[in-house]
Amino acid sequence: MLTRLLLARLTREERNLASHLPHNRAMPPEVRDVAPGLWLWRIAHPDWTPDSEWEPLVASTFVVSGGEVALLDPIAPPADATAIWERLDAAPPTLVVVLKPDHVRDVDLFVRRYAARPFGPSLFWRHDIPETDLEPIEPGSSLPGGLVALYDGRGRGETPLWLPEQQALVFADALTAPGGELRVWATPWHEERTLPALRALLELPFERVIVSHGEPVHDRAAYERALELPPWGG
């Protein structure tokens, strides 16, 4: 009964957007509480294939900060993932943030469903452009709720976020965790630009790091160690 009621609340378009490829059905969604006001869910990315250089499960982050409720790089869970949808409906998001041009994902669905205020890059890939008119963010931008966009030095248009209330950093792809080990994703200018930018973030008093791909939650020591390891090249 609960599943039927939840499905009824979704429009036909939302149901289509929330339906993922068949291989995802074998991988049930995961929900993980990280800190007060901070949790995430993980589902298989609809575009993942065995040839992908990243693991299939991808994290979407929920944070309550400064009276705002934000979703970061969210992918819509399946319509029958009632545990996730009930949590979202109980604390409706007030903003949705896209951290990277190729992480458009399901921003349109969440903005429509919750009338949330959308933020993200000012430029996107030509075949992956949101219908929603996002308010542009760049390194140094302050978002509602006290969230702050950061500079990652990778030249990919990514703006990681600083969550001051939870003392956490949230990344799109600047870091990844294949096999559970936190690594910096490789770029041709790793030594020149990326490492200096990521080392500068150590000035922030963060205790947690959240990444999209691989094991999602890490501590500060893992971040420091990642800066000393060879970059991850897939």
Protein backbone atom coordinates (compact mmCIF):
# COMPACT_ATOMS: atom_id res chain seq x y z
CA MET A 1 0.00 0.00 0.00
CA LEU A 2 2.76 2.47 0.94
CA THR A 3 4.56 1.87 -2.35
CA ARG A 4 1.34 2.44 -4.32
CA LEU A 5 0.71 5.68 -2.48
CA LEU A 6 4.24 6.90 -3.16
CA LEU A 7 3.98 6.01 -6.85
CA ALA A 8 0.71 7.96 -7.04
CA ARG A 9 2.49 11.07 -5.79
CA LEU A 10 4.95 10.97 -8.68
CA THR A 11 3.96 12.39 -12.06
CA ARG A 12 4.37 10.16 -15.11
CA GLU A 13 7.53 12.08 -16.07
CA GLU A 14 8.93 11.71 -12.56
CA ARG A 15 8.26 7.99 -12.63
CA ASN A 16 10.14 7.73 -15.91
CA LEU A 17 13.07 9.73 -14.57
CA ALA A 18 13.14 7.69 -11.38
CA SER A 19 13.23 4.39 -13.28
CA HIS A 20 16.78 3.19 -13.87
CA LEU A 21 18.27 0.59 -16.16
CA PRO A 22 17.49 -3.07 -15.45
CA HIS A 23 20.94 -3.89 -14.06
CA ASN A 24 20.31 -1.42 -11.24
CA ARG A 25 17.40 -3.45 -9.91
CA ALA A 26 19.85 -6.08 -8.67
CA MET A 27 21.59 -3.45 -6.52
CA PRO A 28 19.23 -2.20 -3.80
CA PRO A 29 19.65 1.41 -2.66
CA GLU A 30 21.79 2.06 0.39
CA VAL A 31 21.09 4.76 2.98
CA ARG A 32 23.84 5.93 5.30
CA ASP A 33 23.69 8.46 8.15
CA VAL A 34 26.98 10.36 8.34
CA ALA A 35 26.45 13.05 11.01
CA PRO A 36 23.55 15.03 12.49
CA GLY A 37 21.83 16.68 9.56
CA LEU A 38 23.97 14.82 7.02
CA TRP A 39 23.10 11.58 5.25
CA LEU A 40 23.43 10.04 1.83
CA TRP A 41 21.96 7.40 -0.36
CA ARG A 42 23.70 5.27 -2.97
CA ILE A 43 22.25 3.67 -6.08
CA ALA A 44 23.78 2.29 -9.27
CA HIS A 45 24.37 5.00 -11.86
CA PRO A 46 22.05 4.48 -14.85
CA ASP A 47 24.95 4.95 -17.31
CA TRP A 48 27.37 2.58 -15.61
CA THR A 49 28.79 -0.29 -17.67
CA PRO A 50 31.45 -2.89 -16.86
CA ASP A 51 33.88 -0.79 -18.92
CA SER A 52 33.41 2.31 -16.74
CA GLU A 53 36.46 3.52 -14.82
CA TRP A 54 34.30 4.05 -11.74
CA GLU A 55 32.28 1.74 -9.54
CA PRO A 56 28.53 1.44 -10.20
CA LEU A 57 27.20 2.77 -6.89
CA VAL A 58 27.07 6.57 -6.76
CA ALA A 59 26.30 8.75 -3.74
CA SER A 60 23.77 11.56 -3.43
CA THR A 61 24.12 13.82 -0.38
CA PHE A 62 21.46 15.41 1.86
CA VAL A 63 22.44 18.13 4.33
CA VAL A 64 20.56 20.41 6.72
CA SER A 65 22.42 23.65 7.35
CA GLY A 66 21.48 27.14 8.47
CA GLY A 67 17.77 26.44 8.19
CA GLU A 68 18.11 25.13 4.63
CA VAL A 69 17.84 21.58 3.32
CA ALA A 70 20.16 20.85 0.40
CA LEU A 71 20.57 17.96 -2.02
CA LEU A 72 24.00 17.69 -3.63
CA ASP A 73 24.41 15.95 -7.01
CA PRO A 74 21.27 13.86 -6.43
CA ILE A 75 20.25 10.87 -8.51
CA ALA A 76 16.60 9.95 -8.02
CA PRO A 77 16.16 6.61 -6.27
CA PRO A 78 13.71 4.12 -7.78
CA ALA A 79 10.08 4.94 -7.10
CA ASP A 80 9.79 1.88 -4.85
CA ALA A 81 12.70 3.01 -2.63
CA THR A 82 10.15 4.24 -0.11
CA ALA A 83 12.61 4.62 2.77
CA ILE A 84 14.51 7.29 0.85
CA TRP A 85 11.49 9.11 -0.55
CA GLU A 86 9.84 9.20 2.87
CA ARG A 87 12.94 10.81 4.40
CA LEU A 88 13.02 13.39 1.63
CA ASP A 89 9.31 14.14 1.92
CA ALA A 90 9.62 14.51 5.70
CA ALA A 91 12.28 17.23 5.28
CA PRO A 92 11.66 18.68 1.80
CA PRO A 93 14.81 20.05 0.12
CA THR A 94 14.91 23.82 -0.27
CA LEU A 95 17.87 23.81 -2.65
CA VAL A 96 19.51 21.43 -5.08
CA VAL A 97 23.16 21.87 -6.05
CA VAL A 98 24.94 20.44 -9.08
CA LEU A 99 28.66 20.29 -8.29
CA LYS A 100 29.99 19.53 -11.76
CA PRO A 101 28.81 20.02 -15.38
CA ASP A 102 28.40 16.30 -16.05
CA HIS A 103 26.51 15.70 -12.79
CA VAL A 104 23.22 17.18 -14.00
CA ARG A 105 21.61 13.87 -13.05
CA ASP A 106 18.04 14.38 -11.76
CA VAL A 107 18.16 18.02 -10.74
CA ASP A 108 15.02 18.77 -12.78
CA LEU A 109 13.00 16.09 -11.01
CA PHE A 110 13.94 17.29 -7.53
CA VAL A 111 13.39 20.98 -8.33
CA ARG A 112 9.91 20.24 -9.66
CA ARG A 113 8.94 17.86 -6.88
CA TYR A 114 10.03 20.11 -3.99
CA ALA A 115 10.03 23.60 -5.57
CA ALA A 116 13.67 23.77 -4.49
CA ARG A 117 16.01 26.57 -5.47
CA PRO A 118 18.60 25.24 -7.99
CA PHE A 119 22.31 26.02 -8.14
CA GLY A 120 25.14 24.77 -10.32
CA PRO A 121 27.68 25.50 -13.05
CA SER A 122 27.05 28.19 -15.64
CA LEU A 123 28.21 25.91 -18.51
CA PHE A 124 27.24 22.34 -19.34
CA TRP A 125 28.03 19.65 -21.91
CA ARG A 126 25.88 20.18 -25.01
CA HIS A 127 24.05 16.84 -24.65
CA ASP A 128 23.51 17.08 -20.88
CA ILE A 129 21.83 20.40 -20.12
CA PRO A 130 19.20 20.74 -17.38
CA GLU A 131 15.81 22.18 -18.20
CA THR A 132 15.98 24.09 -14.92
CA ASP A 133 17.63 27.51 -14.95
CA LEU A 134 20.31 27.05 -12.30
CA GLU A 135 21.75 29.93 -10.33
CA PRO A 136 25.47 29.86 -11.20
CA ILE A 137 28.09 29.11 -8.58
CA GLU A 138 31.87 29.29 -8.75
CA PRO A 139 34.69 28.91 -6.23
CA GLY A 140 34.07 31.29 -3.35
CA SER A 141 30.30 31.43 -3.85
CA SER A 142 28.24 31.36 -0.65
CA LEU A 143 25.04 29.38 -0.91
CA PRO A 144 21.95 29.46 1.32
CA GLY A 145 22.50 27.68 4.60
CA GLY A 146 26.14 28.75 4.85
CA LEU A 147 27.44 26.25 2.29
CA VAL A 148 30.55 27.45 0.44
CA ALA A 149 31.76 26.49 -3.04
CA LEU A 150 35.46 25.65 -3.25
CA TYR A 151 38.24 25.46 -5.84
CA ASP A 152 39.66 22.02 -6.65
CA GLY A 153 42.32 22.98 -9.19
CA ARG A 154 41.29 20.33 -11.69
CA GLY A 155 39.95 22.57 -14.45
CA ARG A 156 36.79 20.49 -14.89
CA GLY A 157 34.31 23.07 -13.65
CA GLU A 158 33.79 21.27 -10.35
CA THR A 159 32.96 23.23 -7.21
CA PRO A 160 33.26 21.03 -4.11
CA LEU A 161 31.27 22.25 -1.13
CA TRP A 162 32.28 23.07 2.44
CA LEU A 163 29.59 22.17 4.97
CA PRO A 164 30.60 24.15 8.06
CA GLU A 165 27.95 22.79 10.45
CA GLN A 166 28.99 19.20 9.75
CA GLN A 167 32.69 20.02 9.21
CA ALA A 168 32.59 18.14 5.93
CA LEU A 169 33.79 18.50 2.34
CA VAL A 170 31.66 17.09 -0.48
CA PHE A 171 33.27 16.37 -3.85
CA ALA A 172 31.87 15.37 -7.22
CA ASP A 173 34.87 13.78 -8.97
CA ALA A 174 37.99 15.53 -7.70
CA LEU A 175 38.50 12.57 -5.40
CA THR A 176 37.29 9.01 -5.73
CA ALA A 177 37.59 5.86 -3.66
CA PRO A 178 38.07 2.75 -5.80
CA GLY A 179 38.20 -0.30 -3.59
CA GLY A 180 37.59 1.93 -0.57
CA GLU A 181 40.85 3.91 -0.76
CA LEU A 182 40.52 7.67 -1.16
CA ARG A 183 42.48 8.95 -4.18
CA VAL A 184 42.74 12.15 -6.21
CA TRP A 185 41.36 11.68 -9.71
CA ALA A 186 44.15 12.20 -12.24
CA THR A 187 44.54 15.24 -14.46
CA PRO A 188 47.48 16.30 -16.69
CA TRP A 189 48.18 19.17 -14.29
CA HIS A 190 48.06 17.16 -11.07
CA GLU A 191 51.27 18.53 -9.55
CA GLU A 192 50.94 22.04 -10.96
CA ARG A 193 47.34 22.92 -10.07
CA THR A 194 45.38 20.15 -8.43
CA LEU A 195 47.57 19.29 -5.45
CA PRO A 196 48.14 22.94 -4.43
CA ALA A 197 44.39 23.59 -4.53
CA LEU A 198 43.50 20.47 -2.56
CA ARG A 199 46.24 21.13 -0.01
CA ALA A 200 44.85 24.63 0.49
CA LEU A 201 41.58 23.03 1.65
CA LEU A 202 43.45 21.64 4.65
CA GLU A 203 43.09 25.13 6.12
CA LEU A 204 39.41 24.31 6.67
CA PRO A 205 38.59 22.47 9.92
CA PHE A 206 36.93 19.52 8.19
CA GLU A 207 36.68 16.08 9.76
CA ARG A 208 34.77 14.26 7.00
CA VAL A 209 35.06 13.91 3.24
CA ILE A 210 32.24 12.66 0.99
CA VAL A 211 32.83 11.55 -2.60
CA SER A 212 30.46 10.33 -5.32
CA HIS A 213 32.26 7.23 -6.51
CA GLY A 214 33.50 4.28 -4.47
CA GLU A 215 33.37 4.26 -0.67
CA PRO A 216 31.61 7.59 0.00
CA VAL A 217 32.71 8.63 3.52
CA HIS A 218 36.28 9.25 4.70
CA ASP A 219 38.07 11.07 7.49
CA ARG A 220 40.62 13.86 7.39
CA ALA A 221 43.54 11.45 7.68
CA ALA A 222 42.39 9.63 4.53
CA TYR A 223 42.26 12.96 2.69
CA GLU A 224 45.78 13.86 3.78
CA ARG A 225 46.99 10.43 2.71
CA ALA A 226 45.28 10.76 -0.69
CA LEU A 227 47.32 13.87 -1.43
CA GLU A 228 50.50 11.82 -1.08
CA LEU A 229 49.35 8.86 -3.21
CA PRO A 230 49.70 8.61 -6.99
CA PRO A 231 46.57 9.99 -8.68
CA TRP A 232 43.85 7.59 -9.74
CA GLY A 233 43.76 7.15 -13.50
CA GLY A 234 41.04 4.54 -13.82
